[in-house]
Each structure stands twice: as structure tokens, then as C-alpha cells.
Amino acid sequence: MRKLKSNIGWLIDKSEYTREDLRQRYNKTANTISNWCTGKSYPSVLELYDLAELLNCKVDDLYERKVEKTD
């Protein structure tokens, strides 16, 4: 099974922005931003592109594809 691992939290931490900055920019709750960082939920496509530009990375850098072994 393939899953996405979010790199958003790490990218925010190494940027000049805070999670609060993102919360205000996207008009989201702190819980939503936290969920983006943990991969429990995802930004919209438009938000992904804006977030990548804001964090000075490619959209592909926001997530890593992981393969989980199933029993």
C-alpha cells in the first residue's frame, strides 16, 4: 500500500514562517495546519502550489511516497 508522508512541518520549521503564519494565510484552524503537517489531511491543489512557492520548494517536496508492507 502506498501512502504519503508529509514534509510540510519540516519545511515550515526550516523556513522563516510559522504554523500561525500559515493558519492566517490560508484562513485555517491550528488543527488543520497540524493535520497538514502530520498527513492526516491535505491542502487543496491551489494551496499546495501556493505553499510550495511560499516555502521555496517544489510541490513534490511537500510529500514523500512511502510503501507500507501489508500482511
PDB file of N, CA and C in Angstrom:
ATOM      1  N   MET A   1       0.845  -1.181   0.000  1.00  0.00           N
ATOM      2  CA  MET A   1       0.000   0.000   0.000  1.00  0.00           C
ATOM      3  C   MET A   1       0.888   1.241   0.000  1.00  0.00           C
ATOM      4  N   ARG A   2       0.533   2.216  -0.799  1.00  0.00           N
ATOM      5  CA  ARG A   2       1.305   3.449  -0.879  1.00  0.00           C
ATOM      6  C   ARG A   2       0.631   4.532  -0.043  1.00  0.00           C
ATOM      7  N   LYS A   3       1.456   5.278   0.661  1.00  0.00           N
ATOM      8  CA  LYS A   3       0.980   6.393   1.461  1.00  0.00           C
ATOM      9  C   LYS A   3       1.868   7.597   1.209  1.00  0.00           C
ATOM     10  N   LEU A   4       1.375   8.749   1.593  1.00  0.00           N
ATOM     11  CA  LEU A   4       2.165   9.961   1.504  1.00  0.00           C
ATOM     12  C   LEU A   4       2.629  10.368   2.890  1.00  0.00           C
ATOM     13  N   LYS A   5       3.907  10.666   3.011  1.00  0.00           N
ATOM     14  CA  LYS A   5       4.467  11.186   4.253  1.00  0.00           C
ATOM     15  C   LYS A   5       4.649  12.685   4.061  1.00  0.00           C
ATOM     16  N   SER A   6       4.044  13.456   4.944  1.00  0.00           N
ATOM     17  CA  SER A   6       4.112  14.906   4.822  1.00  0.00           C
ATOM     18  C   SER A   6       5.465  15.444   5.273  1.00  0.00           C
ATOM     19  N   ASN A   7       6.033  16.330   4.476  1.00  0.00           N
ATOM     20  CA  ASN A   7       7.251  17.059   4.838  1.00  0.00           C
ATOM     21  C   ASN A   7       6.932  18.515   5.177  1.00  0.00           C
ATOM     22  N   ILE A   8       5.652  18.843   5.227  1.00  0.00           N
ATOM     23  CA  ILE A   8       5.249  20.230   5.424  1.00  0.00           C
ATOM     24  C   ILE A   8       5.751  20.785   6.741  1.00  0.00           C
ATOM     25  N   GLY A   9       5.608  20.041   7.825  1.00  0.00           N
ATOM     26  CA  GLY A   9       6.070  20.521   9.137  1.00  0.00           C
ATOM     27  C   GLY A   9       7.558  20.814   9.133  1.00  0.00           C
ATOM     28  N   TRP A  10       8.337  19.922   8.555  1.00  0.00           N
ATOM     29  CA  TRP A  10       9.789  20.099   8.482  1.00  0.00           C
ATOM     30  C   TRP A  10      10.140  21.315   7.637  1.00  0.00           C
ATOM     31  N   LEU A  11       9.441  21.478   6.518  1.00  0.00           N
ATOM     32  CA  LEU A  11       9.704  22.622   5.647  1.00  0.00           C
ATOM     33  C   LEU A  11       9.324  23.944   6.316  1.00  0.00           C
ATOM     34  N   ILE A  12       8.240  23.941   7.067  1.00  0.00           N
ATOM     35  CA  ILE A  12       7.855  25.143   7.817  1.00  0.00           C
ATOM     36  C   ILE A  12       8.942  25.470   8.844  1.00  0.00           C
ATOM     37  N   ASP A  13       9.389  24.451   9.576  1.00  0.00           N
ATOM     38  CA  ASP A  13      10.394  24.655  10.630  1.00  0.00           C
ATOM     39  C   ASP A  13      11.685  25.251  10.090  1.00  0.00           C
ATOM     40  N   LYS A  14      12.059  24.909   8.869  1.00  0.00           N
ATOM     41  CA  LYS A  14      13.309  25.439   8.323  1.00  0.00           C
ATOM     42  C   LYS A  14      13.101  26.740   7.531  1.00  0.00           C
ATOM     43  N   SER A  15      11.851  27.194   7.468  1.00  0.00           N
ATOM     44  CA  SER A  15      11.552  28.440   6.749  1.00  0.00           C
ATOM     45  C   SER A  15      11.450  29.602   7.732  1.00  0.00           C
ATOM     46  N   GLU A  16      11.201  30.763   7.192  1.00  0.00           N
ATOM     47  CA  GLU A  16      11.023  31.954   8.022  1.00  0.00           C
ATOM     48  C   GLU A  16       9.588  32.065   8.538  1.00  0.00           C
ATOM     49  N   TYR A  17       8.734  31.120   8.160  1.00  0.00           N
ATOM     50  CA  TYR A  17       7.318  31.167   8.518  1.00  0.00           C
ATOM     51  C   TYR A  17       7.010  30.245   9.692  1.00  0.00           C
ATOM     52  N   THR A  18       5.909  30.536  10.364  1.00  0.00           N
ATOM     53  CA  THR A  18       5.435  29.692  11.466  1.00  0.00           C
ATOM     54  C   THR A  18       4.119  29.050  11.043  1.00  0.00           C
ATOM     55  N   ARG A  19       3.686  28.095  11.818  1.00  0.00           N
ATOM     56  CA  ARG A  19       2.382  27.480  11.560  1.00  0.00           C
ATOM     57  C   ARG A  19       1.273  28.509  11.705  1.00  0.00           C
ATOM     58  N   GLU A  20       1.464  29.445  12.611  1.00  0.00           N
ATOM     59  CA  GLU A  20       0.491  30.533  12.788  1.00  0.00           C
ATOM     60  C   GLU A  20       0.415  31.391  11.526  1.00  0.00           C
ATOM     61  N   ASP A  21       1.553  31.648  10.898  1.00  0.00           N
ATOM     62  CA  ASP A  21       1.553  32.398   9.639  1.00  0.00           C
ATOM     63  C   ASP A  21       0.707  31.674   8.584  1.00  0.00           C
ATOM     64  N   LEU A  22       0.878  30.364   8.489  1.00  0.00           N
ATOM     65  CA  LEU A  22       0.109  29.586   7.523  1.00  0.00           C
ATOM     66  C   LEU A  22      -1.367  29.565   7.881  1.00  0.00           C
ATOM     67  N   ARG A  23      -1.662  29.456   9.160  1.00  0.00           N
ATOM     68  CA  ARG A  23      -3.048  29.459   9.614  1.00  0.00           C
ATOM     69  C   ARG A  23      -3.750  30.731   9.148  1.00  0.00           C
ATOM     70  N   GLN A  24      -3.088  31.853   9.311  1.00  0.00           N
ATOM     71  CA  GLN A  24      -3.671  33.125   8.903  1.00  0.00           C
ATOM     72  C   GLN A  24      -3.731  33.260   7.378  1.00  0.00           C
ATOM     73  N   ARG A  25      -2.680  32.844   6.702  1.00  0.00           N
ATOM     74  CA  ARG A  25      -2.631  32.980   5.234  1.00  0.00           C
ATOM     75  C   ARG A  25      -3.751  32.201   4.560  1.00  0.00           C
ATOM     76  N   TYR A  26      -4.006  30.985   5.047  1.00  0.00           N
ATOM     77  CA  TYR A  26      -4.999  30.112   4.420  1.00  0.00           C
ATOM     78  C   TYR A  26      -6.345  30.119   5.140  1.00  0.00           C
ATOM     79  N   ASN A  27      -6.454  30.940   6.180  1.00  0.00           N
ATOM     80  CA  ASN A  27      -7.691  31.046   6.950  1.00  0.00           C
ATOM     81  C   ASN A  27      -8.162  29.666   7.434  1.00  0.00           C
ATOM     82  N   LYS A  28      -7.234  28.945   8.056  1.00  0.00           N
ATOM     83  CA  LYS A  28      -7.491  27.595   8.561  1.00  0.00           C
ATOM     84  C   LYS A  28      -7.311  27.580  10.072  1.00  0.00           C
ATOM     85  N   THR A  29      -7.796  26.545  10.716  1.00  0.00           N
ATOM     86  CA  THR A  29      -7.587  26.389  12.150  1.00  0.00           C
ATOM     87  C   THR A  29      -6.185  25.835  12.400  1.00  0.00           C
ATOM     88  N   ALA A  30      -5.726  26.003  13.633  1.00  0.00           N
ATOM     89  CA  ALA A  30      -4.427  25.432  14.014  1.00  0.00           C
ATOM     90  C   ALA A  30      -4.455  23.913  13.841  1.00  0.00           C
ATOM     91  N   ASN A  31      -5.600  23.309  14.108  1.00  0.00           N
ATOM     92  CA  ASN A  31      -5.737  21.855  13.968  1.00  0.00           C
ATOM     93  C   ASN A  31      -5.575  21.428  12.503  1.00  0.00           C
ATOM     94  N   THR A  32      -6.121  22.207  11.581  1.00  0.00           N
ATOM     95  CA  THR A  32      -5.986  21.887  10.155  1.00  0.00           C
ATOM     96  C   THR A  32      -4.529  21.949   9.724  1.00  0.00           C
ATOM     97  N   ILE A  33      -3.821  22.987  10.130  1.00  0.00           N
ATOM     98  CA  ILE A  33      -2.399  23.105   9.775  1.00  0.00           C
ATOM     99  C   ILE A  33      -1.614  21.942  10.375  1.00  0.00           C
ATOM    100  N   SER A  34      -1.924  21.579  11.607  1.00  0.00           N
ATOM    101  CA  SER A  34      -1.282  20.426  12.242  1.00  0.00           C
ATOM    102  C   SER A  34      -1.559  19.154  11.443  1.00  0.00           C
ATOM    103  N   ASN A  35      -2.786  18.986  10.983  1.00  0.00           N
ATOM    104  CA  ASN A  35      -3.138  17.805  10.183  1.00  0.00           C
ATOM    105  C   ASN A  35      -2.397  17.782   8.851  1.00  0.00           C
ATOM    106  N   TRP A  36      -2.174  18.949   8.249  1.00  0.00           N
ATOM    107  CA  TRP A  36      -1.362  19.009   7.030  1.00  0.00           C
ATOM    108  C   TRP A  36       0.051  18.528   7.322  1.00  0.00           C
ATOM    109  N   CYS A  37       0.578  18.929   8.484  1.00  0.00           N
ATOM    110  CA  CYS A  37       1.960  18.590   8.847  1.00  0.00           C
ATOM    111  C   CYS A  37       2.126  17.111   9.166  1.00  0.00           C
ATOM    112  N   THR A  38       1.073  16.479   9.660  1.00  0.00           N
ATOM    113  CA  THR A  38       1.158  15.061  10.013  1.00  0.00           C
ATOM    114  C   THR A  38       0.625  14.139   8.918  1.00  0.00           C
ATOM    115  N   GLY A  39       0.003  14.717   7.889  1.00  0.00           N
ATOM    116  CA  GLY A  39      -0.533  13.905   6.806  1.00  0.00           C
ATOM    117  C   GLY A  39      -1.922  13.360   7.074  1.00  0.00           C
ATOM    118  N   LYS A  40      -2.589  13.856   8.119  1.00  0.00           N
ATOM    119  CA  LYS A  40      -3.957  13.407   8.397  1.00  0.00           C
ATOM    120  C   LYS A  40      -4.960  14.030   7.438  1.00  0.00           C
ATOM    121  N   SER A  41      -4.637  15.187   6.902  1.00  0.00           N
ATOM    122  CA  SER A  41      -5.444  15.822   5.858  1.00  0.00           C
ATOM    123  C   SER A  41      -4.492  16.564   4.935  1.00  0.00           C
ATOM    124  N   TYR A  42      -5.024  17.040   3.826  1.00  0.00           N
ATOM    125  CA  TYR A  42      -4.180  17.618   2.796  1.00  0.00           C
ATOM    126  C   TYR A  42      -4.713  18.973   2.339  1.00  0.00           C
ATOM    127  N   PRO A  43      -3.813  19.880   1.975  1.00  0.00           N
ATOM    128  CA  PRO A  43      -4.242  21.146   1.386  1.00  0.00           C
ATOM    129  C   PRO A  43      -4.872  20.889   0.018  1.00  0.00           C
ATOM    130  N   SER A  44      -5.663  21.843  -0.444  1.00  0.00           N
ATOM    131  CA  SER A  44      -6.204  21.754  -1.804  1.00  0.00           C
ATOM    132  C   SER A  44      -5.049  21.891  -2.798  1.00  0.00           C
ATOM    133  N   VAL A  45      -5.310  21.602  -4.038  1.00  0.00           N
ATOM    134  CA  VAL A  45      -4.272  21.712  -5.065  1.00  0.00           C
ATOM    135  C   VAL A  45      -3.760  23.147  -5.159  1.00  0.00           C
ATOM    136  N   LEU A  46      -4.663  24.113  -5.147  1.00  0.00           N
ATOM    137  CA  LEU A  46      -4.234  25.517  -5.202  1.00  0.00           C
ATOM    138  C   LEU A  46      -3.380  25.871  -3.984  1.00  0.00           C
ATOM    139  N   GLU A  47      -3.782  25.386  -2.814  1.00  0.00           N
ATOM    140  CA  GLU A  47      -3.000  25.638  -1.599  1.00  0.00           C
ATOM    141  C   GLU A  47      -1.638  24.960  -1.668  1.00  0.00           C
ATOM    142  N   LEU A  48      -1.570  23.769  -2.248  1.00  0.00           N
ATOM    143  CA  LEU A  48      -0.290  23.070  -2.387  1.00  0.00           C
ATOM    144  C   LEU A  48       0.702  23.889  -3.208  1.00  0.00           C
ATOM    145  N   TYR A  49       0.237  24.414  -4.318  1.00  0.00           N
ATOM    146  CA  TYR A  49       1.130  25.210  -5.168  1.00  0.00           C
ATOM    147  C   TYR A  49       1.553  26.504  -4.480  1.00  0.00           C
ATOM    148  N   ASP A  50       0.619  27.151  -3.794  1.00  0.00           N
ATOM    149  CA  ASP A  50       0.959  28.371  -3.074  1.00  0.00           C
ATOM    150  C   ASP A  50       1.918  28.068  -1.924  1.00  0.00           C
ATOM    151  N   LEU A  51       1.660  26.979  -1.214  1.00  0.00           N
ATOM    152  CA  LEU A  51       2.515  26.575  -0.093  1.00  0.00           C
ATOM    153  C   LEU A  51       3.929  26.255  -0.569  1.00  0.00           C
ATOM    154  N   ALA A  52       4.046  25.566  -1.685  1.00  0.00           N
ATOM    155  CA  ALA A  52       5.370  25.255  -2.235  1.00  0.00           C
ATOM    156  C   ALA A  52       6.118  26.533  -2.590  1.00  0.00           C
ATOM    157  N   GLU A  53       5.417  27.476  -3.190  1.00  0.00           N
ATOM    158  CA  GLU A  53       6.051  28.748  -3.533  1.00  0.00           C
ATOM    159  C   GLU A  53       6.480  29.494  -2.265  1.00  0.00           C
ATOM    160  N   LEU A  54       5.608  29.511  -1.268  1.00  0.00           N
ATOM    161  CA  LEU A  54       5.897  30.182  -0.007  1.00  0.00           C
ATOM    162  C   LEU A  54       7.114  29.566   0.688  1.00  0.00           C
ATOM    163  N   LEU A  55       7.191  28.235   0.673  1.00  0.00           N
ATOM    164  CA  LEU A  55       8.273  27.522   1.363  1.00  0.00           C
ATOM    165  C   LEU A  55       9.497  27.312   0.461  1.00  0.00           C
ATOM    166  N   ASN A  56       9.445  27.898  -0.735  1.00  0.00           N
ATOM    167  CA  ASN A  56      10.575  27.847  -1.658  1.00  0.00           C
ATOM    168  C   ASN A  56      10.991  26.414  -1.992  1.00  0.00           C
ATOM    169  N   CYS A  57       9.995  25.632  -2.393  1.00  0.00           N
ATOM    170  CA  CYS A  57      10.270  24.247  -2.785  1.00  0.00           C
ATOM    171  C   CYS A  57       9.321  23.872  -3.917  1.00  0.00           C
ATOM    172  N   LYS A  58       9.457  22.653  -4.401  1.00  0.00           N
ATOM    173  CA  LYS A  58       8.544  22.135  -5.414  1.00  0.00           C
ATOM    174  C   LYS A  58       7.378  21.452  -4.709  1.00  0.00           C
ATOM    175  N   VAL A  59       6.258  21.351  -5.376  1.00  0.00           N
ATOM    176  CA  VAL A  59       5.108  20.643  -4.810  1.00  0.00           C
ATOM    177  C   VAL A  59       5.514  19.219  -4.427  1.00  0.00           C
ATOM    178  N   ASP A  60       6.339  18.594  -5.249  1.00  0.00           N
ATOM    179  CA  ASP A  60       6.810  17.226  -4.969  1.00  0.00           C
ATOM    180  C   ASP A  60       7.565  17.130  -3.644  1.00  0.00           C
ATOM    181  N   ASP A  61       8.164  18.222  -3.204  1.00  0.00           N
ATOM    182  CA  ASP A  61       8.929  18.205  -1.958  1.00  0.00           C
ATOM    183  C   ASP A  61       8.043  18.203  -0.716  1.00  0.00           C
ATOM    184  N   LEU A  62       6.777  18.544  -0.874  1.00  0.00           N
ATOM    185  CA  LEU A  62       5.877  18.629   0.279  1.00  0.00           C
ATOM    186  C   LEU A  62       5.533  17.257   0.847  1.00  0.00           C
ATOM    187  N   TYR A  63       5.640  16.223   0.018  1.00  0.00           N
ATOM    188  CA  TYR A  63       5.299  14.851   0.426  1.00  0.00           C
ATOM    189  C   TYR A  63       6.300  13.857  -0.130  1.00  0.00           C
ATOM    190  N   GLU A  64       6.434  12.743   0.564  1.00  0.00           N
ATOM    191  CA  GLU A  64       7.221  11.608   0.078  1.00  0.00           C
ATOM    192  C   GLU A  64       6.284  10.427  -0.063  1.00  0.00           C
ATOM    193  N   ARG A  65       6.475   9.662  -1.102  1.00  0.00           N
ATOM    194  CA  ARG A  65       5.688   8.433  -1.262  1.00  0.00           C
ATOM    195  C   ARG A  65       6.334   7.329  -0.451  1.00  0.00           C
ATOM    196  N   LYS A  66       5.537   6.682   0.362  1.00  0.00           N
ATOM    197  CA  LYS A  66       6.014   5.565   1.192  1.00  0.00           C
ATOM    198  C   LYS A  66       5.242   4.314   0.801  1.00  0.00           C
ATOM    199  N   VAL A  67       5.915   3.188   0.816  1.00  0.00           N
ATOM    200  CA  VAL A  67       5.263   1.907   0.569  1.00  0.00           C
ATOM    201  C   VAL A  67       5.216   1.169   1.885  1.00  0.00           C
ATOM    202  N   GLU A  68       3.992   0.832   2.321  1.00  0.00           N
ATOM    203  CA  GLU A  68       3.815   0.066   3.552  1.00  0.00           C
ATOM    204  C   GLU A  68       3.567  -1.392   3.196  1.00  0.00           C
ATOM    205  N   LYS A  69       4.201  -2.259   3.944  1.00  0.00           N
ATOM    206  CA  LYS A  69       4.010  -3.683   3.725  1.00  0.00           C
ATOM    207  C   LYS A  69       2.695  -4.099   4.358  1.00  0.00           C
ATOM    208  N   THR A  70       1.953  -4.926   3.653  1.00  0.00           N
ATOM    209  CA  THR A  70       0.712  -5.467   4.198  1.00  0.00           C
ATOM    210  C   THR A  70       0.912  -6.935   4.512  1.00  0.00           C
ATOM    211  N   ASP A  71       0.226  -7.375   5.500  1.00  0.00           N
ATOM    212  CA  ASP A  71       0.344  -8.788   5.913  1.00  0.00           C
ATOM    213  C   ASP A  71      -0.498  -9.696   5.092  1.00  0.00           C
TER     214      ASP A  71
END
